[in-house]
Amino acid sequence: MKKIVLLAVLGAVSASAETNITVLGADNTRVVGHPLTYGGAASGNIADSIVTAGGYMLNTGNVGLSAGLDIGRTNVSVLGGADTQLKNHPASLGAMVSERIAGPLSVSAFGINNGTVGLGAGLSF
């Protein structure tokens, strides 16, 4: 699963006119004492359009794909993935919003239905 997501992300990013790479930090709001969650996300615009595609990976084993729209300096994406460390775990669904704040710098906020919520900082190029 991780290899499929990585290949999909690399394909979307390499074919894109604009790419965003984001470092993520999060916490699980449903589990007391849950270790710090961190990871990364990458996305790119498809064929110079406002449509974006990409993926994300967290240290907890949650990996997935994203699809979104650029609206001005803001990107709104839906997330869909799976937990690769837990068997029979339901699909992970969520959302991420990113805003370009200055030049290539962006900030993000995301949430996944398993209780993971977090922030990100990224670069667009």
Protein backbone atom coordinates (compact mmCIF):
# COMPACT_ATOMS: atom_id res chain seq x y z
CA MET A 1 0.00 0.00 0.00
CA LYS A 2 2.77 2.44 0.92
CA LYS A 3 4.54 1.81 -2.40
CA ILE A 4 1.34 2.38 -4.39
CA VAL A 5 0.70 5.70 -2.61
CA LEU A 6 4.31 6.80 -3.06
CA LEU A 7 4.21 6.03 -6.80
CA ALA A 8 0.89 7.86 -7.21
CA VAL A 9 2.23 10.91 -5.38
CA LEU A 10 5.47 10.95 -7.35
CA GLY A 11 3.51 10.66 -10.60
CA ALA A 12 1.19 13.53 -9.72
CA VAL A 13 4.00 15.75 -8.48
CA SER A 14 6.38 15.10 -11.39
CA ALA A 15 3.69 15.83 -13.99
CA SER A 16 2.61 19.01 -12.29
CA ALA A 17 3.31 22.64 -13.14
CA GLU A 18 3.27 23.55 -9.44
CA THR A 19 4.19 21.26 -6.56
CA ASN A 20 3.62 21.68 -2.82
CA ILE A 21 5.62 19.70 -0.25
CA THR A 22 4.35 19.92 3.34
CA VAL A 23 5.67 18.69 6.71
CA LEU A 24 2.84 17.63 9.04
CA GLY A 25 2.58 17.45 12.83
CA ALA A 26 -0.53 16.15 14.58
CA ASP A 27 -2.15 14.57 17.61
CA ASN A 28 -4.94 12.03 17.99
CA THR A 29 -7.81 13.64 19.90
CA ARG A 30 -9.48 10.29 20.68
CA VAL A 31 -6.59 8.44 22.33
CA VAL A 32 -5.14 9.73 25.62
CA GLY A 33 -1.35 9.48 25.64
CA HIS A 34 -1.13 8.85 21.89
CA PRO A 35 2.45 9.49 20.67
CA LEU A 36 3.17 12.53 18.51
CA THR A 37 2.08 12.01 14.92
CA TYR A 38 4.19 13.45 12.11
CA GLY A 39 4.59 12.94 8.40
CA GLY A 40 4.46 14.61 5.05
CA ALA A 41 2.23 15.43 2.13
CA ALA A 42 2.87 16.31 -1.49
CA SER A 43 0.50 17.50 -4.19
CA GLY A 44 0.62 19.03 -7.61
CA ASN A 45 -1.67 20.76 -10.08
CA ILE A 46 -2.86 18.54 -12.90
CA ALA A 47 -2.10 19.90 -16.38
CA ASP A 48 -1.94 23.57 -15.32
CA SER A 49 -5.50 23.43 -13.97
CA ILE A 50 -6.94 24.27 -10.56
CA VAL A 51 -7.33 20.53 -9.82
CA THR A 52 -4.69 18.99 -7.55
CA ALA A 53 -3.71 15.40 -6.76
CA GLY A 54 -1.26 14.02 -4.26
CA GLY A 55 -0.87 11.97 -1.13
CA TYR A 56 0.18 11.87 2.48
CA MET A 57 1.98 9.52 4.86
CA LEU A 58 2.04 9.59 8.68
CA ASN A 59 4.40 7.77 11.06
CA THR A 60 1.41 5.95 12.58
CA GLY A 61 1.01 3.92 9.38
CA ASN A 62 -1.79 6.00 7.89
CA VAL A 63 -1.19 6.62 4.17
CA GLY A 64 -3.52 7.97 1.54
CA LEU A 65 -4.26 10.02 -1.53
CA SER A 66 -5.65 13.53 -1.88
CA ALA A 67 -7.69 15.35 -4.49
CA GLY A 68 -8.41 19.06 -4.32
CA LEU A 69 -9.03 22.42 -5.89
CA ASP A 70 -6.95 25.60 -5.86
CA ILE A 71 -9.14 28.61 -5.13
CA GLY A 72 -6.91 31.68 -5.35
CA ARG A 73 -4.13 31.17 -2.78
CA THR A 74 -6.11 28.45 -0.95
CA ASN A 75 -6.21 24.70 -1.66
CA VAL A 76 -9.05 22.56 -0.31
CA SER A 77 -8.50 18.80 -0.54
CA VAL A 78 -10.28 15.62 0.49
CA LEU A 79 -8.16 12.81 1.91
CA GLY A 80 -8.72 9.08 1.64
CA GLY A 81 -6.43 6.41 2.98
CA ALA A 82 -5.85 3.38 5.14
CA ASP A 83 -3.90 2.40 8.22
CA THR A 84 -1.17 0.00 7.13
CA GLN A 85 -0.33 -1.06 10.71
CA LEU A 86 -3.81 -2.10 11.91
CA LYS A 87 -5.74 -4.97 10.38
CA ASN A 88 -9.44 -4.51 9.60
CA HIS A 89 -9.20 -0.77 10.32
CA PRO A 90 -11.88 1.30 8.56
CA ALA A 91 -10.90 3.64 5.74
CA SER A 92 -9.42 6.99 6.75
CA LEU A 93 -11.32 9.97 5.37
CA GLY A 94 -10.55 13.62 5.98
CA ALA A 95 -9.88 17.09 4.67
CA MET A 96 -6.95 19.49 4.39
CA VAL A 97 -6.92 23.23 3.78
CA SER A 98 -3.70 24.98 2.75
CA GLU A 99 -3.10 28.70 2.34
CA ARG A 100 -0.15 30.37 0.64
CA ILE A 101 0.97 33.04 3.09
CA ALA A 102 4.03 34.61 1.45
CA GLY A 103 5.89 33.69 -1.71
CA PRO A 104 6.33 29.92 -1.75
CA LEU A 105 5.43 29.43 1.96
CA SER A 106 2.15 27.78 2.93
CA VAL A 107 0.40 26.68 6.12
CA SER A 108 -2.10 23.83 6.39
CA ALA A 109 -4.63 22.32 8.74
CA PHE A 110 -6.04 18.82 8.40
CA GLY A 111 -8.28 16.31 10.10
CA ILE A 112 -8.91 12.60 9.63
CA ASN A 113 -11.94 10.66 10.87
CA ASN A 114 -9.76 8.51 13.16
CA GLY A 115 -9.31 11.56 15.42
CA THR A 116 -5.99 12.80 14.02
CA VAL A 117 -5.86 16.57 13.60
CA GLY A 118 -2.84 18.67 12.85
CA LEU A 119 -0.99 21.51 11.19
CA GLY A 120 1.54 21.70 8.41
CA ALA A 121 4.10 24.02 6.86
CA GLY A 122 5.09 23.75 3.24
CA LEU A 123 6.83 25.09 0.17
CA SER A 124 5.45 25.46 -3.35
CA PHE A 125 7.69 25.39 -6.39
